[in-house]
Amino acid sequence: MIRIAKQSDPKRLNELKQKIDDEKYLDVAIRQIAATLTHEIVNINEEKT
C-alpha cells in the first residue's frame, strides 16, 4: 500500500520552528511527555499485578 504525505502547512511549520527555540515551551512539552510516559508505565505495571 502506498501512502501519500499530506501537504505541509508553511504557517504551521513556522509556528513550530519558533516554539522549538522557546525554552519555556520545550520545558512544558518535555514535562508533559514525561508525565504521559510515567502514567502509561504505572498503568502497565498495575495491570500486570
Protein backbone atom coordinates (compact mmCIF):
# COMPACT_ATOMS: atom_id res chain seq x y z
CA MET A 1 0.00 0.00 0.00
CA ILE A 2 1.32 3.44 -0.89
CA ARG A 3 0.75 6.33 1.49
CA ILE A 4 0.81 9.88 0.21
CA ALA A 5 2.07 12.52 2.63
CA LYS A 6 -0.21 15.40 3.48
CA GLN A 7 0.69 18.79 2.10
CA SER A 8 2.80 20.79 4.56
CA ASP A 9 1.34 23.97 6.01
CA PRO A 10 4.09 26.63 5.87
CA LYS A 11 2.38 28.76 8.54
CA ARG A 12 2.17 25.82 10.94
CA LEU A 13 5.79 24.85 10.23
CA ASN A 14 6.96 28.37 11.06
CA GLU A 15 4.98 28.32 14.32
CA LEU A 16 6.60 25.02 15.29
CA LYS A 17 10.08 26.29 14.41
CA GLN A 18 9.54 29.28 16.70
CA LYS A 19 8.32 27.04 19.52
CA ILE A 20 11.42 24.86 19.27
CA ASP A 21 13.53 27.91 20.10
CA ASP A 22 11.36 28.77 23.14
CA GLU A 23 12.87 27.16 26.25
CA LYS A 24 9.66 27.54 28.28
CA TYR A 25 7.64 25.77 25.59
CA LEU A 26 10.17 22.94 25.38
CA ASP A 27 10.21 22.59 29.16
CA VAL A 28 6.43 22.24 29.30
CA ALA A 29 6.39 19.85 26.33
CA ILE A 30 9.09 17.61 27.84
CA ARG A 31 7.31 17.57 31.22
CA GLN A 32 4.04 16.59 29.54
CA ILE A 33 5.74 13.78 27.64
CA ALA A 34 7.43 12.55 30.82
CA ALA A 35 4.15 12.64 32.74
CA THR A 36 2.33 10.74 30.00
CA LEU A 37 5.03 8.07 29.81
CA THR A 38 5.13 7.72 33.59
CA HIS A 39 1.35 7.37 33.70
CA GLU A 40 1.41 4.71 30.99
CA ILE A 41 4.21 2.76 32.69
CA VAL A 42 2.38 2.82 36.02
CA ASN A 43 -0.82 1.62 34.35
CA ILE A 44 1.02 -1.22 32.62
CA ASN A 45 2.61 -2.29 35.90
CA GLU A 46 -0.74 -2.15 37.72
CA GLU A 47 -2.37 -4.32 35.05
CA LYS A 48 0.31 -6.98 35.45
CA THR A 49 -0.26 -7.34 39.19
